[in-house]
Structures are given as structure tokens and as C-alpha cells.
Amino acid sequence: MSLRFIWNNSYSVNVKIIDEQHVAFLDIVNHIFDLLDTESLLSAEQTEEAQKEKLLAAISELHNYSFFHLTTEEGFFQQFNYENTKEHMEAHDLFRKRVSNYMEASKRPDIDIKVVANDMANFSREWLTNHILTEDKKYTKCFNDHGLNY
């Protein structure tokens, strides 16, 4: 059983749209863990191929949503002339590269999709939770000063 993410206010950046996206992002991660945990309970009707398709869809969703979310933040960086834009976007770019590598690996016929999905979900959960607490919290004042809050 994988460690699920549970949202609490310590992760809030005091910007509604961003908090909502962080929750949605991590809900996708939790969904991957749910798919992996239920795999051992599959009925005879649900083939391994059906499970693989569900995992591929969830991997793709995580990839696409993470790019959407990071682009949202970066749009605000540009709009508000955020002082740490360069460093923050470099961190985003490293994440994008890693997630893209998982996405590409998931398409290889010789790969164990369950391993890729688990690795991607664990990496994404750890990266985002740490990133929120160490990097995203830095833009709260800037975003709030420009009218983004609750």
C-alpha cells in the first residue's frame, strides 16, 4: 500500500486557484495508487490489459495536469513580474523532464507499467509536496499583493 497524500492547511499558498490545482494534482497521484492497490483484487473479467489501459490513462492524466498546473503558475509569475521566476521555472522544467521520461517509458512494450506508474506517482507526490512547502510558499505575498487569494 502506497502512502496517500492528505491535504491540510499547511500546504495552502493562500491562493484559491493554486490550492485547488494542487489538490487536483495530488488527487490524480492518489488515483494511481488506488489503481495499483486494487490490482491484486482484480476479478477474472478484468484482464491485465484492461488494468494496463487504466494505468496508462492515469499516467497521461498526471502528465497533462502537471503541465497545465505549472503553466498556470508561470503565467502568474510573468503577469506579476515575480522576482524568483527564473529559479522557480528551472525547478518546474526539471519536474517536466522527469515526468515526460515516465510518460515515454510507459509507452514502451517491454516496460512494467505498474513499476512506472508507482515510480511516477511516488516521485510526483514527493516533489510537489516539498515544492509547495519550499518554493510555492515564496510567491504567496506577491500573488496576494496582486489580488490572488481566497
N, C-alpha and C. Protein backbone atom coordinates (compact mmCIF):
# COMPACT_ATOMS: atom_id res chain seq x y z
N MET A 1 0.85 -1.19 0.00
CA MET A 1 0.00 0.00 0.00
C MET A 1 0.89 1.24 0.00
N SER A 2 0.58 2.15 -0.89
CA SER A 2 1.37 3.37 -1.02
C SER A 2 0.83 4.47 -0.13
N LEU A 3 1.72 5.38 0.21
CA LEU A 3 1.36 6.49 1.06
C LEU A 3 0.55 7.51 0.28
N ARG A 4 -0.70 7.71 0.71
CA ARG A 4 -1.58 8.68 0.06
C ARG A 4 -1.28 10.08 0.55
N PHE A 5 -1.58 11.04 -0.29
CA PHE A 5 -1.48 12.43 0.11
C PHE A 5 -2.80 12.87 0.72
N ILE A 6 -2.72 13.51 1.87
CA ILE A 6 -3.90 14.07 2.52
C ILE A 6 -3.64 15.56 2.69
N TRP A 7 -4.50 16.38 2.07
CA TRP A 7 -4.36 17.83 2.12
C TRP A 7 -4.64 18.35 3.52
N ASN A 8 -3.83 19.31 3.94
CA ASN A 8 -4.15 20.08 5.14
C ASN A 8 -3.67 21.51 4.90
N ASN A 9 -4.07 22.41 5.78
CA ASN A 9 -3.80 23.83 5.55
C ASN A 9 -2.32 24.20 5.53
N SER A 10 -1.45 23.34 6.02
CA SER A 10 -0.02 23.67 5.97
C SER A 10 0.47 23.74 4.52
N TYR A 11 -0.28 23.14 3.59
CA TYR A 11 0.10 23.17 2.17
C TYR A 11 -0.51 24.35 1.43
N SER A 12 -1.39 25.10 2.05
CA SER A 12 -2.04 26.21 1.37
C SER A 12 -1.04 27.32 1.07
N VAL A 13 -1.15 27.86 -0.15
CA VAL A 13 -0.35 29.04 -0.52
C VAL A 13 -1.22 30.29 -0.48
N ASN A 14 -2.41 30.16 0.09
CA ASN A 14 -3.35 31.27 0.27
C ASN A 14 -3.77 31.89 -1.07
N VAL A 15 -3.83 31.04 -2.09
CA VAL A 15 -4.31 31.45 -3.41
C VAL A 15 -5.27 30.33 -3.85
N LYS A 16 -6.55 30.66 -3.92
CA LYS A 16 -7.57 29.64 -4.14
C LYS A 16 -7.31 28.80 -5.39
N ILE A 17 -7.08 29.44 -6.52
CA ILE A 17 -6.91 28.69 -7.77
C ILE A 17 -5.71 27.73 -7.69
N ILE A 18 -4.65 28.16 -7.05
CA ILE A 18 -3.45 27.31 -6.95
C ILE A 18 -3.68 26.18 -5.95
N ASP A 19 -4.28 26.48 -4.81
CA ASP A 19 -4.59 25.41 -3.85
C ASP A 19 -5.50 24.36 -4.48
N GLU A 20 -6.50 24.81 -5.22
CA GLU A 20 -7.40 23.86 -5.88
C GLU A 20 -6.66 22.99 -6.89
N GLN A 21 -5.73 23.60 -7.61
CA GLN A 21 -4.94 22.82 -8.58
C GLN A 21 -4.00 21.85 -7.87
N HIS A 22 -3.41 22.27 -6.76
CA HIS A 22 -2.55 21.35 -6.02
C HIS A 22 -3.34 20.14 -5.53
N VAL A 23 -4.54 20.38 -5.03
CA VAL A 23 -5.39 19.28 -4.57
C VAL A 23 -5.73 18.35 -5.73
N ALA A 24 -6.12 18.92 -6.87
CA ALA A 24 -6.47 18.11 -8.03
C ALA A 24 -5.27 17.30 -8.52
N PHE A 25 -4.11 17.91 -8.56
CA PHE A 25 -2.86 17.27 -8.96
C PHE A 25 -2.61 16.04 -8.08
N LEU A 26 -2.72 16.24 -6.77
CA LEU A 26 -2.43 15.15 -5.84
C LEU A 26 -3.56 14.13 -5.79
N ASP A 27 -4.77 14.50 -6.15
CA ASP A 27 -5.86 13.52 -6.29
C ASP A 27 -5.54 12.54 -7.42
N ILE A 28 -4.93 13.02 -8.48
CA ILE A 28 -4.54 12.14 -9.59
C ILE A 28 -3.47 11.16 -9.12
N VAL A 29 -2.51 11.67 -8.34
CA VAL A 29 -1.48 10.79 -7.77
C VAL A 29 -2.15 9.71 -6.92
N ASN A 30 -3.07 10.11 -6.05
CA ASN A 30 -3.76 9.13 -5.20
C ASN A 30 -4.55 8.13 -6.04
N HIS A 31 -5.12 8.58 -7.15
CA HIS A 31 -5.86 7.68 -8.04
C HIS A 31 -4.94 6.60 -8.60
N ILE A 32 -3.73 6.97 -8.96
CA ILE A 32 -2.77 5.97 -9.44
C ILE A 32 -2.48 4.95 -8.34
N PHE A 33 -2.27 5.43 -7.13
CA PHE A 33 -2.04 4.49 -6.02
C PHE A 33 -3.25 3.58 -5.83
N ASP A 34 -4.45 4.12 -5.95
CA ASP A 34 -5.66 3.30 -5.83
C ASP A 34 -5.70 2.22 -6.90
N LEU A 35 -5.38 2.57 -8.13
CA LEU A 35 -5.34 1.59 -9.21
C LEU A 35 -4.32 0.49 -8.92
N LEU A 36 -3.17 0.88 -8.43
CA LEU A 36 -2.13 -0.11 -8.13
C LEU A 36 -2.53 -1.00 -6.96
N ASP A 37 -3.18 -0.45 -5.96
CA ASP A 37 -3.58 -1.24 -4.79
C ASP A 37 -4.72 -2.18 -5.11
N THR A 38 -5.61 -1.82 -6.02
CA THR A 38 -6.73 -2.70 -6.36
C THR A 38 -6.33 -3.77 -7.37
N GLU A 39 -5.14 -3.64 -7.93
CA GLU A 39 -4.70 -4.60 -8.95
C GLU A 39 -4.72 -6.03 -8.41
N SER A 40 -4.37 -6.22 -7.15
CA SER A 40 -4.35 -7.57 -6.59
C SER A 40 -5.75 -8.11 -6.35
N LEU A 41 -6.77 -7.25 -6.42
CA LEU A 41 -8.15 -7.66 -6.18
C LEU A 41 -8.95 -7.80 -7.48
N LEU A 42 -8.26 -7.78 -8.61
CA LEU A 42 -8.96 -7.83 -9.89
C LEU A 42 -9.79 -9.09 -10.04
N SER A 43 -10.96 -8.93 -10.60
CA SER A 43 -11.79 -10.09 -10.89
C SER A 43 -11.29 -10.77 -12.16
N ALA A 44 -11.76 -11.93 -12.41
CA ALA A 44 -11.33 -12.67 -13.60
C ALA A 44 -11.70 -11.94 -14.88
N GLU A 45 -12.79 -11.14 -14.84
CA GLU A 45 -13.21 -10.42 -16.04
C GLU A 45 -12.27 -9.28 -16.39
N GLN A 46 -11.60 -8.74 -15.39
CA GLN A 46 -10.72 -7.60 -15.68
C GLN A 46 -9.32 -8.13 -16.00
N THR A 47 -8.98 -8.04 -17.23
CA THR A 47 -7.71 -8.58 -17.69
C THR A 47 -6.56 -7.67 -17.31
N GLU A 48 -5.38 -8.20 -17.43
CA GLU A 48 -4.18 -7.41 -17.20
C GLU A 48 -4.10 -6.26 -18.20
N GLU A 49 -4.59 -6.50 -19.42
CA GLU A 49 -4.58 -5.45 -20.44
C GLU A 49 -5.50 -4.29 -20.04
N ALA A 50 -6.64 -4.60 -19.46
CA ALA A 50 -7.56 -3.54 -19.00
C ALA A 50 -6.92 -2.73 -17.89
N GLN A 51 -6.22 -3.41 -16.99
CA GLN A 51 -5.53 -2.71 -15.91
C GLN A 51 -4.43 -1.81 -16.48
N LYS A 52 -3.71 -2.32 -17.46
CA LYS A 52 -2.65 -1.53 -18.10
C LYS A 52 -3.24 -0.28 -18.73
N GLU A 53 -4.37 -0.41 -19.40
CA GLU A 53 -5.01 0.76 -20.04
C GLU A 53 -5.42 1.80 -19.00
N LYS A 54 -5.92 1.37 -17.87
CA LYS A 54 -6.30 2.31 -16.81
C LYS A 54 -5.07 3.04 -16.27
N LEU A 55 -3.99 2.30 -16.08
CA LEU A 55 -2.76 2.93 -15.59
C LEU A 55 -2.18 3.90 -16.62
N LEU A 56 -2.21 3.51 -17.88
CA LEU A 56 -1.72 4.42 -18.94
C LEU A 56 -2.54 5.70 -18.98
N ALA A 57 -3.85 5.57 -18.83
CA ALA A 57 -4.71 6.76 -18.83
C ALA A 57 -4.40 7.65 -17.63
N ALA A 58 -4.16 7.04 -16.47
CA ALA A 58 -3.85 7.82 -15.26
C ALA A 58 -2.48 8.49 -15.37
N ILE A 59 -1.51 7.80 -15.93
CA ILE A 59 -0.18 8.38 -16.15
C ILE A 59 -0.30 9.58 -17.09
N SER A 60 -1.04 9.42 -18.15
CA SER A 60 -1.24 10.51 -19.11
C SER A 60 -1.95 11.68 -18.44
N GLU A 61 -2.95 11.40 -17.62
CA GLU A 61 -3.67 12.46 -16.91
C GLU A 61 -2.73 13.22 -15.98
N LEU A 62 -1.90 12.50 -15.24
CA LEU A 62 -0.95 13.15 -14.34
C LEU A 62 0.04 14.01 -15.12
N HIS A 63 0.55 13.48 -16.19
CA HIS A 63 1.47 14.23 -17.05
C HIS A 63 0.82 15.52 -17.54
N ASN A 64 -0.35 15.40 -18.13
CA ASN A 64 -1.03 16.56 -18.71
C ASN A 64 -1.44 17.57 -17.65
N TYR A 65 -1.96 17.09 -16.53
CA TYR A 65 -2.41 18.03 -15.50
C TYR A 65 -1.22 18.75 -14.87
N SER A 66 -0.13 18.05 -14.67
CA SER A 66 1.04 18.71 -14.07
C SER A 66 1.55 19.82 -14.99
N PHE A 67 1.57 19.58 -16.29
CA PHE A 67 2.00 20.63 -17.23
C PHE A 67 1.03 21.80 -17.19
N PHE A 68 -0.27 21.53 -17.14
CA PHE A 68 -1.29 22.58 -17.04
C PHE A 68 -1.07 23.42 -15.78
N HIS A 69 -0.88 22.74 -14.65
CA HIS A 69 -0.72 23.46 -13.39
C HIS A 69 0.55 24.32 -13.39
N LEU A 70 1.66 23.77 -13.81
CA LEU A 70 2.91 24.53 -13.82
C LEU A 70 2.81 25.74 -14.75
N THR A 71 2.15 25.57 -15.86
CA THR A 71 1.95 26.68 -16.79
C THR A 71 1.07 27.76 -16.17
N THR A 72 0.08 27.36 -15.39
CA THR A 72 -0.76 28.34 -14.69
C THR A 72 0.09 29.19 -13.76
N GLU A 73 0.90 28.55 -12.93
CA GLU A 73 1.77 29.30 -12.02
C GLU A 73 2.69 30.24 -12.80
N GLU A 74 3.29 29.73 -13.85
CA GLU A 74 4.25 30.52 -14.62
C GLU A 74 3.59 31.71 -15.30
N GLY A 75 2.34 31.57 -15.68
CA GLY A 75 1.61 32.70 -16.23
C GLY A 75 1.47 33.83 -15.22
N PHE A 76 1.20 33.45 -13.97
CA PHE A 76 1.13 34.47 -12.91
C PHE A 76 2.50 35.07 -12.62
N PHE A 77 3.54 34.25 -12.70
CA PHE A 77 4.90 34.79 -12.50
C PHE A 77 5.15 35.93 -13.49
N GLN A 78 4.84 35.67 -14.74
CA GLN A 78 5.07 36.67 -15.78
C GLN A 78 4.16 37.89 -15.58
N GLN A 79 2.91 37.63 -15.31
CA GLN A 79 1.93 38.71 -15.15
C GLN A 79 2.30 39.63 -13.99
N PHE A 80 2.82 39.05 -12.91
CA PHE A 80 3.12 39.83 -11.70
C PHE A 80 4.60 40.18 -11.57
N ASN A 81 5.40 39.81 -12.57
CA ASN A 81 6.84 40.06 -12.54
C ASN A 81 7.46 39.52 -11.24
N TYR A 82 7.14 38.26 -10.96
CA TYR A 82 7.60 37.59 -9.73
C TYR A 82 9.13 37.52 -9.71
N GLU A 83 9.73 37.92 -8.60
CA GLU A 83 11.19 38.06 -8.52
C GLU A 83 11.95 36.74 -8.61
N ASN A 84 11.35 35.63 -8.24
CA ASN A 84 12.04 34.34 -8.28
C ASN A 84 11.61 33.49 -9.48
N THR A 85 11.14 34.14 -10.52
CA THR A 85 10.62 33.42 -11.69
C THR A 85 11.65 32.46 -12.26
N LYS A 86 12.86 32.92 -12.50
CA LYS A 86 13.87 32.10 -13.16
C LYS A 86 14.14 30.80 -12.39
N GLU A 87 14.40 30.91 -11.10
CA GLU A 87 14.71 29.74 -10.28
C GLU A 87 13.51 28.81 -10.18
N HIS A 88 12.33 29.40 -10.03
CA HIS A 88 11.13 28.59 -9.89
C HIS A 88 10.85 27.82 -11.18
N MET A 89 11.00 28.49 -12.31
CA MET A 89 10.76 27.82 -13.59
C MET A 89 11.81 26.75 -13.89
N GLU A 90 13.01 26.93 -13.40
CA GLU A 90 14.03 25.89 -13.55
C GLU A 90 13.60 24.62 -12.80
N ALA A 91 13.05 24.79 -11.62
CA ALA A 91 12.55 23.64 -10.85
C ALA A 91 11.39 22.97 -11.60
N HIS A 92 10.51 23.79 -12.16
CA HIS A 92 9.40 23.24 -12.95
C HIS A 92 9.92 22.47 -14.16
N ASP A 93 10.93 23.00 -14.82
CA ASP A 93 11.46 22.34 -16.01
C ASP A 93 12.08 20.98 -15.67
N LEU A 94 12.74 20.89 -14.54
CA LEU A 94 13.29 19.60 -14.12
C LEU A 94 12.17 18.60 -13.85
N PHE A 95 11.10 19.07 -13.23
CA PHE A 95 9.95 18.20 -12.99
C PHE A 95 9.35 17.74 -14.33
N ARG A 96 9.14 18.69 -15.24
CA ARG A 96 8.57 18.34 -16.54
C ARG A 96 9.40 17.27 -17.25
N LYS A 97 10.71 17.43 -17.20
CA LYS A 97 11.59 16.46 -17.86
C LYS A 97 11.42 15.07 -17.26
N ARG A 98 11.39 15.00 -15.95
CA ARG A 98 11.26 13.70 -15.27
C ARG A 98 9.90 13.07 -15.57
N VAL A 99 8.84 13.86 -15.51
CA VAL A 99 7.50 13.33 -15.78
C VAL A 99 7.38 12.90 -17.24
N SER A 100 7.99 13.65 -18.14
CA SER A 100 7.98 13.27 -19.55
C SER A 100 8.72 11.96 -19.76
N ASN A 101 9.80 11.75 -19.02
CA ASN A 101 10.52 10.48 -19.11
C ASN A 101 9.64 9.31 -18.67
N TYR A 102 8.88 9.51 -17.59
CA TYR A 102 7.94 8.47 -17.15
C TYR A 102 6.88 8.22 -18.24
N MET A 103 6.38 9.27 -18.81
CA MET A 103 5.35 9.16 -19.85
C MET A 103 5.89 8.35 -21.03
N GLU A 104 7.09 8.67 -21.47
CA GLU A 104 7.70 7.93 -22.58
C GLU A 104 7.95 6.47 -22.20
N ALA A 105 8.43 6.24 -21.00
CA ALA A 105 8.69 4.87 -20.56
C ALA A 105 7.41 4.04 -20.53
N SER A 106 6.30 4.67 -20.15
CA SER A 106 5.04 3.94 -20.04
C SER A 106 4.56 3.40 -21.38
N LYS A 107 5.06 3.96 -22.48
CA LYS A 107 4.64 3.55 -23.82
C LYS A 107 5.48 2.40 -24.38
N ARG A 108 6.57 2.09 -23.71
CA ARG A 108 7.45 1.02 -24.19
C ARG A 108 6.81 -0.34 -23.92
N PRO A 109 6.82 -1.23 -24.91
CA PRO A 109 6.18 -2.53 -24.73
C PRO A 109 6.91 -3.45 -23.73
N ASP A 110 8.19 -3.19 -23.51
CA ASP A 110 8.98 -4.06 -22.64
C ASP A 110 9.00 -3.59 -21.18
N ILE A 111 8.22 -2.57 -20.85
CA ILE A 111 8.27 -1.98 -19.52
C ILE A 111 7.13 -2.52 -18.66
N ASP A 112 7.38 -2.63 -17.36
CA ASP A 112 6.33 -3.00 -16.41
C ASP A 112 5.58 -1.72 -16.04
N ILE A 113 4.38 -1.58 -16.56
CA ILE A 113 3.61 -0.36 -16.38
C ILE A 113 3.32 -0.07 -14.90
N LYS A 114 3.20 -1.12 -14.11
CA LYS A 114 2.94 -0.92 -12.68
C LYS A 114 4.13 -0.27 -11.98
N VAL A 115 5.32 -0.64 -12.37
CA VAL A 115 6.53 -0.04 -11.80
C VAL A 115 6.63 1.43 -12.21
N VAL A 116 6.39 1.70 -13.48
CA VAL A 116 6.45 3.09 -13.97
C VAL A 116 5.40 3.94 -13.25
N ALA A 117 4.18 3.43 -13.15
CA ALA A 117 3.10 4.19 -12.51
C ALA A 117 3.41 4.46 -11.04
N ASN A 118 3.91 3.45 -10.36
CA ASN A 118 4.26 3.62 -8.94
C ASN A 118 5.40 4.63 -8.78
N ASP A 119 6.43 4.50 -9.60
CA ASP A 119 7.56 5.42 -9.51
C ASP A 119 7.13 6.86 -9.82
N MET A 120 6.31 7.02 -10.85
CA MET A 120 5.85 8.35 -11.24
C MET A 120 4.99 8.97 -10.14
N ALA A 121 4.09 8.19 -9.57
CA ALA A 121 3.21 8.70 -8.53
C ALA A 121 4.00 9.06 -7.27
N ASN A 122 4.92 8.20 -6.88
CA ASN A 122 5.75 8.50 -5.70
C ASN A 122 6.59 9.74 -5.92
N PHE A 123 7.24 9.82 -7.07
CA PHE A 123 8.07 10.98 -7.38
C PHE A 123 7.22 12.26 -7.38
N SER A 124 6.07 12.22 -8.04
CA SER A 124 5.21 13.40 -8.15
C SER A 124 4.69 13.84 -6.79
N ARG A 125 4.27 12.89 -5.97
CA ARG A 125 3.79 13.23 -4.62
C ARG A 125 4.89 13.89 -3.81
N GLU A 126 6.06 13.29 -3.80
CA GLU A 126 7.17 13.83 -3.01
C GLU A 126 7.63 15.19 -3.55
N TRP A 127 7.76 15.27 -4.86
CA TRP A 127 8.23 16.52 -5.45
C TRP A 127 7.25 17.64 -5.15
N LEU A 128 5.96 17.43 -5.42
CA LEU A 128 5.00 18.52 -5.27
C LEU A 128 4.84 18.93 -3.81
N THR A 129 4.76 17.98 -2.91
CA THR A 129 4.57 18.37 -1.50
C THR A 129 5.78 19.15 -1.00
N ASN A 130 6.97 18.74 -1.37
CA ASN A 130 8.17 19.50 -0.98
C ASN A 130 8.23 20.85 -1.70
N HIS A 131 7.87 20.87 -2.96
CA HIS A 131 7.91 22.09 -3.76
C HIS A 131 6.93 23.12 -3.21
N ILE A 132 5.75 22.69 -2.83
CA ILE A 132 4.77 23.62 -2.25
C ILE A 132 5.36 24.29 -1.01
N LEU A 133 5.92 23.47 -0.13
CA LEU A 133 6.40 23.98 1.16
C LEU A 133 7.67 24.81 1.05
N THR A 134 8.51 24.51 0.06
CA THR A 134 9.79 25.23 -0.03
C THR A 134 9.84 26.31 -1.10
N GLU A 135 9.09 26.14 -2.17
CA GLU A 135 9.15 27.10 -3.28
C GLU A 135 7.86 27.88 -3.47
N ASP A 136 6.73 27.17 -3.54
CA ASP A 136 5.48 27.86 -3.83
C ASP A 136 5.08 28.85 -2.74
N LYS A 137 5.39 28.53 -1.50
CA LYS A 137 5.05 29.46 -0.41
C LYS A 137 5.75 30.81 -0.58
N LYS A 138 6.85 30.83 -1.33
CA LYS A 138 7.59 32.08 -1.54
C LYS A 138 6.80 33.09 -2.38
N TYR A 139 5.89 32.62 -3.23
CA TYR A 139 5.16 33.58 -4.07
C TYR A 139 3.84 34.03 -3.45
N THR A 140 3.49 33.54 -2.30
CA THR A 140 2.21 33.90 -1.69
C THR A 140 2.03 35.41 -1.58
N LYS A 141 3.01 36.10 -1.02
CA LYS A 141 2.87 37.55 -0.84
C LYS A 141 2.71 38.25 -2.19
N CYS A 142 3.52 37.90 -3.15
CA CYS A 142 3.44 38.51 -4.48
C CYS A 142 2.05 38.29 -5.08
N PHE A 143 1.57 37.06 -5.06
CA PHE A 143 0.27 36.76 -5.65
C PHE A 143 -0.84 37.48 -4.88
N ASN A 144 -0.77 37.44 -3.56
CA ASN A 144 -1.78 38.13 -2.73
C ASN A 144 -1.76 39.63 -3.00
N ASP A 145 -0.57 40.23 -3.10
CA ASP A 145 -0.46 41.66 -3.37
C ASP A 145 -1.09 42.05 -4.72
N HIS A 146 -1.16 41.10 -5.64
CA HIS A 146 -1.77 41.35 -6.94
C HIS A 146 -3.23 40.89 -7.00
N GLY A 147 -3.80 40.58 -5.86
CA GLY A 147 -5.23 40.28 -5.79
C GLY A 147 -5.60 38.81 -5.88
N LEU A 148 -4.61 37.92 -5.96
CA LEU A 148 -4.93 36.49 -5.95
C LEU A 148 -4.89 35.99 -4.53
N ASN A 149 -6.02 35.56 -4.04
CA ASN A 149 -6.13 34.96 -2.70
C ASN A 149 -7.45 34.24 -2.61
N TYR A 150 -8.02 34.15 -1.42
CA TYR A 150 -9.32 33.50 -1.26
C TYR A 150 -10.43 34.50 -1.24
